[in-house]
N, C-alpha and C. Protein backbone atom coordinates (compact mmCIF):
# COMPACT_ATOMS: atom_id res chain seq x y z
N MET A 1 -9.97 -6.27 4.57
CA MET A 1 -9.44 -5.76 3.53
C MET A 1 -9.61 -4.62 2.13
N ASN A 2 -9.72 -3.80 2.27
CA ASN A 2 -10.09 -2.75 1.69
C ASN A 2 -9.82 -3.36 -0.38
N ILE A 3 -10.18 -2.73 -1.17
CA ILE A 3 -10.54 -3.08 -2.67
C ILE A 3 -8.83 -2.66 -3.14
N GLU A 4 -8.40 -1.59 -2.50
CA GLU A 4 -6.88 -0.46 -2.45
C GLU A 4 -6.03 -1.93 -2.88
N ASN A 5 -5.84 -2.15 -1.06
CA ASN A 5 -5.27 -2.77 -0.91
C ASN A 5 -4.93 -4.58 -1.49
N ARG A 6 -6.57 -4.71 -2.03
CA ARG A 6 -6.67 -5.92 -2.65
C ARG A 6 -5.96 -5.87 -3.85
N GLU A 7 -6.42 -4.69 -4.59
CA GLU A 7 -5.74 -4.31 -6.28
C GLU A 7 -3.97 -4.41 -5.74
N LYS A 8 -3.48 -3.73 -4.79
CA LYS A 8 -2.11 -3.39 -4.31
C LYS A 8 -1.20 -4.87 -4.68
N LEU A 9 -2.19 -5.64 -3.76
CA LEU A 9 -1.50 -7.07 -2.86
C LEU A 9 -1.44 -8.11 -4.34
N SER A 10 -2.41 -7.80 -5.66
CA SER A 10 -2.86 -8.86 -6.45
C SER A 10 -1.09 -7.89 -7.63
N GLU A 11 -0.85 -6.89 -8.04
CA GLU A 11 0.02 -6.62 -8.65
C GLU A 11 1.19 -7.32 -8.10
N ILE A 12 1.59 -7.02 -6.51
CA ILE A 12 2.59 -7.78 -5.85
C ILE A 12 2.88 -9.18 -6.14
N ILE A 13 1.44 -9.85 -6.21
CA ILE A 13 2.16 -11.15 -5.97
C ILE A 13 1.81 -11.52 -7.89
N LYS A 14 1.29 -10.53 -8.92
CA LYS A 14 1.98 -10.61 -10.04
C LYS A 14 3.52 -10.91 -10.26
N THR A 15 3.89 -9.86 -9.96
CA THR A 15 5.54 -8.54 -9.53
C THR A 15 6.89 -10.06 -9.34
N ALA A 16 6.01 -11.10 -8.24
CA ALA A 16 6.81 -11.87 -7.30
C ALA A 16 6.66 -13.05 -7.97
N ARG A 17 6.01 -13.30 -9.16
CA ARG A 17 5.65 -14.97 -9.71
C ARG A 17 5.97 -14.91 -11.03
N GLY A 18 6.36 -13.45 -11.69
CA GLY A 18 6.88 -12.86 -12.66
C GLY A 18 6.73 -13.71 -14.34
N THR A 19 7.16 -14.19 -14.34
CA THR A 19 7.15 -15.32 -15.79
C THR A 19 6.34 -16.75 -14.91
N MET A 20 7.18 -17.33 -13.85
CA MET A 20 6.34 -18.67 -13.42
C MET A 20 4.60 -18.69 -14.38
N SER A 21 4.37 -19.99 -13.96
CA SER A 21 2.77 -20.48 -14.05
C SER A 21 2.12 -19.93 -12.82
N GLN A 22 0.73 -19.82 -12.69
CA GLN A 22 0.51 -20.28 -11.55
C GLN A 22 0.36 -21.41 -10.72
N ARG A 23 0.76 -22.38 -11.38
CA ARG A 23 0.83 -23.40 -11.41
C ARG A 23 2.27 -23.59 -10.33
N ALA A 24 2.69 -23.46 -10.71
CA ALA A 24 4.53 -23.62 -10.03
C ALA A 24 4.95 -22.72 -9.16
N PHE A 25 3.67 -21.50 -9.48
CA PHE A 25 4.65 -20.32 -7.73
C PHE A 25 3.66 -21.17 -6.79
N GLY A 26 2.04 -21.69 -7.18
CA GLY A 26 1.74 -22.28 -6.41
C GLY A 26 2.19 -23.50 -5.38
N LYS A 27 3.26 -23.88 -6.41
CA LYS A 27 3.87 -25.43 -5.28
C LYS A 27 4.73 -24.54 -4.90
N LEU A 28 5.64 -23.83 -5.11
CA LEU A 28 6.82 -22.90 -4.54
C LEU A 28 5.94 -22.39 -3.09
N LEU A 29 4.86 -22.27 -3.13
CA LEU A 29 4.45 -21.43 -1.83
C LEU A 29 3.34 -22.46 -0.90
N GLY A 30 3.40 -23.33 -2.25
CA GLY A 30 2.60 -24.64 -1.19
C GLY A 30 0.99 -24.75 -0.59
N VAL A 31 0.52 -23.86 -2.42
CA VAL A 31 -0.70 -24.09 -2.23
C VAL A 31 -1.11 -24.44 -4.06
N SER A 32 -2.18 -24.34 -4.01
CA SER A 32 -3.13 -25.07 -5.45
C SER A 32 -2.46 -23.70 -6.46
N ALA A 33 -2.55 -24.10 -8.19
CA ALA A 33 -3.01 -22.84 -8.45
C ALA A 33 -3.44 -21.56 -8.79
N THR A 34 -4.74 -22.60 -7.74
CA THR A 34 -6.61 -22.32 -8.05
C THR A 34 -6.17 -20.74 -6.78
N ALA A 35 -5.20 -21.37 -5.72
CA ALA A 35 -5.74 -20.18 -4.97
C ALA A 35 -4.69 -18.94 -5.37
N VAL A 36 -3.38 -18.79 -5.57
CA VAL A 36 -2.65 -17.90 -6.75
C VAL A 36 -3.22 -17.12 -7.63
N GLN A 37 -4.65 -17.88 -8.82
CA GLN A 37 -5.35 -17.00 -9.19
C GLN A 37 -6.77 -15.94 -8.68
N LEU A 38 -7.15 -16.93 -6.99
CA LEU A 38 -7.70 -16.02 -6.63
C LEU A 38 -7.63 -15.21 -6.16
N TRP A 39 -6.12 -14.76 -5.41
CA TRP A 39 -5.45 -13.87 -5.06
C TRP A 39 -5.13 -13.32 -6.09
N GLU A 40 -4.66 -13.40 -7.29
CA GLU A 40 -4.07 -12.06 -8.55
C GLU A 40 -5.47 -11.41 -8.68
N ARG A 41 -6.67 -11.94 -8.45
CA ARG A 41 -7.89 -11.44 -9.06
C ARG A 41 -8.74 -10.40 -7.65
N GLY A 42 -8.83 -11.22 -6.51
CA GLY A 42 -8.85 -10.17 -5.83
C GLY A 42 -10.24 -10.59 -5.03
N ASP A 43 -9.94 -11.85 -5.20
CA ASP A 43 -11.33 -12.66 -5.01
C ASP A 43 -10.87 -12.92 -3.15
N THR A 44 -10.10 -13.53 -3.17
CA THR A 44 -9.57 -14.08 -1.77
C THR A 44 -8.54 -13.48 -1.71
N VAL A 45 -7.91 -13.48 -0.01
CA VAL A 45 -6.87 -12.64 -0.16
C VAL A 45 -6.71 -14.19 1.33
N PRO A 46 -4.63 -14.59 0.93
CA PRO A 46 -3.49 -15.14 1.38
C PRO A 46 -4.01 -14.48 3.29
N ASP A 47 -3.80 -16.23 3.87
CA ASP A 47 -3.67 -16.36 4.96
C ASP A 47 -2.10 -15.40 6.03
N THR A 48 -1.95 -15.40 7.07
CA THR A 48 -1.25 -14.72 7.30
C THR A 48 0.37 -15.72 6.87
N GLU A 49 0.31 -17.01 6.65
CA GLU A 49 1.68 -18.23 6.86
C GLU A 49 1.10 -17.52 5.13
N ASN A 50 0.83 -17.62 4.03
CA ASN A 50 0.67 -17.27 2.90
C ASN A 50 1.59 -15.62 2.37
N LEU A 51 0.63 -14.74 3.47
CA LEU A 51 1.46 -13.55 3.58
C LEU A 51 2.64 -13.29 3.68
N ALA A 52 3.06 -14.07 4.55
CA ALA A 52 4.58 -13.81 4.76
C ALA A 52 5.29 -15.02 4.02
N LYS A 53 5.24 -15.28 3.35
CA LYS A 53 5.99 -15.98 1.88
C LYS A 53 5.97 -15.25 1.27
N LEU A 54 4.90 -14.70 0.75
CA LEU A 54 4.85 -13.57 -0.30
C LEU A 54 5.59 -12.47 -0.17
N ALA A 55 5.70 -12.01 1.15
CA ALA A 55 6.65 -10.69 1.67
C ALA A 55 8.37 -11.17 1.01
N ALA A 56 8.31 -12.73 1.85
CA ALA A 56 9.79 -12.91 1.54
C ALA A 56 10.10 -13.00 0.02
N ARG A 57 9.38 -13.49 -0.18
CA ARG A 57 9.12 -13.47 -2.26
C ARG A 57 9.63 -12.51 -2.68
N SER A 58 8.55 -11.60 -2.63
CA SER A 58 9.38 -10.12 -2.74
C SER A 58 9.48 -9.47 -2.18
N GLY A 59 10.92 -10.04 -1.32
CA GLY A 59 12.00 -9.27 -0.91
C GLY A 59 11.71 -8.36 0.17
N TYR A 60 10.86 -8.58 1.00
CA TYR A 60 10.13 -7.85 2.10
C TYR A 60 10.11 -8.75 3.47
N THR A 61 9.58 -7.85 4.82
CA THR A 61 9.69 -8.75 5.98
C THR A 61 8.27 -8.19 5.79
N LEU A 62 7.52 -9.22 6.66
CA LEU A 62 6.57 -9.29 6.88
C LEU A 62 5.66 -7.96 7.24
N GLU A 63 6.40 -7.01 8.37
CA GLU A 63 6.56 -5.87 8.41
C GLU A 63 5.84 -4.77 7.06
N GLU A 64 6.80 -4.91 6.79
CA GLU A 64 7.72 -4.10 5.88
C GLU A 64 5.95 -4.08 4.78
N PHE A 65 6.02 -5.38 4.64
CA PHE A 65 4.46 -6.27 3.14
C PHE A 65 3.64 -4.89 3.49
N LEU A 66 2.99 -5.40 4.18
CA LEU A 66 1.88 -4.32 5.22
C LEU A 66 2.21 -3.43 4.72
N ARG A 67 3.06 -2.39 5.16
CA ARG A 67 3.14 -0.92 5.41
C ARG A 67 2.89 -0.96 3.79
N LEU A 68 3.46 -1.07 2.23
CA LEU A 68 3.53 -1.53 1.53
C LEU A 68 2.09 -1.37 1.74
N LEU A 69 1.21 -2.40 0.99
CA LEU A 69 -0.14 -2.68 1.45
C LEU A 69 -0.99 -0.94 1.99
N ASP A 70 -0.04 -1.44 2.80
CA ASP A 70 -1.47 0.22 3.20
C ASP A 70 -0.47 1.81 2.87
N GLY A 71 -0.05 1.53 1.58
CA GLY A 71 0.42 2.63 1.02
C GLY A 71 1.50 3.74 2.00
N LYS A 72 1.88 2.67 3.05
CA LYS A 72 3.36 3.54 3.60
C LYS A 72 3.75 3.58 4.39
N PRO A 73 5.09 4.53 3.94
CA PRO A 73 7.03 3.98 3.08
C PRO A 73 7.20 2.88 4.14
N VAL A 74 7.71 2.10 3.27
CA VAL A 74 8.91 1.38 3.66
C VAL A 74 10.53 1.65 4.04
N SER A 75 10.73 1.51 5.50
CA SER A 75 12.36 2.29 5.60
C SER A 75 13.11 1.33 4.79
N ASP A 76 14.78 2.14 4.18
CA ASP A 76 14.88 1.56 3.27
C ASP A 76 16.09 0.97 4.41
N PRO A 77 17.07 -0.78 3.33
CA PRO A 77 17.77 -1.38 4.03
C PRO A 77 18.69 -1.02 5.42
N LEU A 78 18.96 -0.91 6.36
CA LEU A 78 20.31 -0.44 7.07
C LEU A 78 21.59 -0.69 6.29
N ASP A 79 21.57 -2.73 6.60
CA ASP A 79 23.06 -2.72 7.00
C ASP A 79 22.96 -3.50 5.05
N THR A 80 24.17 -4.35 4.76
CA THR A 80 24.42 -5.32 3.99
C THR A 80 23.72 -6.38 3.79
N GLN A 81 23.29 -6.56 4.72
CA GLN A 81 23.07 -7.93 5.26
C GLN A 81 21.29 -7.92 5.08
N GLN A 82 20.67 -7.22 4.91
CA GLN A 82 19.32 -6.85 5.25
C GLN A 82 19.50 -6.43 3.53
N ILE A 83 20.14 -6.23 2.69
CA ILE A 83 20.14 -6.14 0.89
C ILE A 83 20.10 -7.69 0.62
N ILE A 84 20.79 -8.26 1.38
CA ILE A 84 21.38 -9.53 0.69
C ILE A 84 19.84 -10.45 1.04
N ASN A 85 18.98 -10.06 1.93
CA ASN A 85 17.93 -11.07 2.71
C ASN A 85 17.12 -10.69 1.72
N LYS A 86 16.84 -9.49 1.25
CA LYS A 86 16.37 -8.90 -0.34
C LYS A 86 16.33 -9.73 -1.08
N ILE A 87 17.07 -9.45 -1.48
CA ILE A 87 18.16 -10.07 -3.05
C ILE A 87 18.16 -11.68 -2.99
N LYS A 88 18.09 -12.30 -1.71
CA LYS A 88 17.87 -13.70 -2.56
C LYS A 88 16.58 -13.79 -3.03
N PHE A 89 15.46 -13.78 -2.28
CA PHE A 89 13.88 -13.91 -3.11
C PHE A 89 13.45 -13.48 -4.18
N LEU A 90 14.64 -13.07 -4.57
CA LEU A 90 14.20 -12.09 -5.82
C LEU A 90 13.97 -13.05 -7.04
N PRO A 91 13.18 -13.13 -7.73
CA PRO A 91 13.04 -13.94 -8.78
C PRO A 91 14.88 -14.09 -10.16
N LEU A 92 15.11 -15.08 -10.10
CA LEU A 92 16.54 -14.84 -11.00
C LEU A 92 16.53 -13.62 -11.89
N THR A 93 15.24 -14.09 -12.95
CA THR A 93 15.73 -12.75 -13.82
C THR A 93 16.31 -10.89 -13.16
N GLN A 94 15.34 -10.75 -12.40
CA GLN A 94 15.64 -10.11 -11.33
C GLN A 94 17.24 -9.80 -11.24
N VAL A 95 17.35 -10.39 -10.23
CA VAL A 95 18.75 -10.80 -9.65
C VAL A 95 19.64 -10.52 -10.94
N ALA A 96 19.33 -11.36 -12.48
CA ALA A 96 20.64 -10.83 -13.26
C ALA A 96 20.61 -9.47 -13.98
N ALA A 97 19.23 -8.91 -13.45
CA ALA A 97 19.41 -7.56 -14.66
C ALA A 97 20.04 -6.85 -13.13
N ILE A 98 19.93 -6.34 -11.78
CA ILE A 98 20.73 -6.39 -10.84
C ILE A 98 22.59 -6.13 -11.29
N VAL A 99 22.80 -7.53 -11.73
CA VAL A 99 24.38 -7.76 -11.41
C VAL A 99 24.11 -7.22 -13.04
N ARG A 100 23.77 -7.06 -13.77
CA ARG A 100 24.36 -6.41 -15.32
C ARG A 100 23.97 -4.92 -14.96
N ALA A 101 23.20 -3.93 -14.33
CA ALA A 101 23.03 -3.17 -14.56
C ALA A 101 24.81 -2.66 -13.44
N ARG A 102 25.27 -3.35 -12.12
CA ARG A 102 25.59 -3.19 -11.61
C ARG A 102 27.42 -3.21 -12.63
N ALA A 103 27.86 -4.03 -13.26
CA ALA A 103 28.79 -4.47 -14.06
C ALA A 103 28.56 -3.35 -15.03
């Protein structure tokens, strides 16, 4: 993975983690806080299983997530179920912001 992709991945991880500590986020994903810290610094890259978990946490499929890292366009969801699938992995603060904007 090149430097630009590692930087994008780092930012996505930080966004997905939100206000959670690295320890809490790691526990959620089943990894150590050190692993999360290394990913955020760009020192290491998550394995495929953890990339899939990060993608889901960010509201993407693994394919969409990898396209995003490569700087390619990510297709818009085509139906309500796809939108719901993306929303259910957002942090509650972001879901609340969506609900407030909708109201």
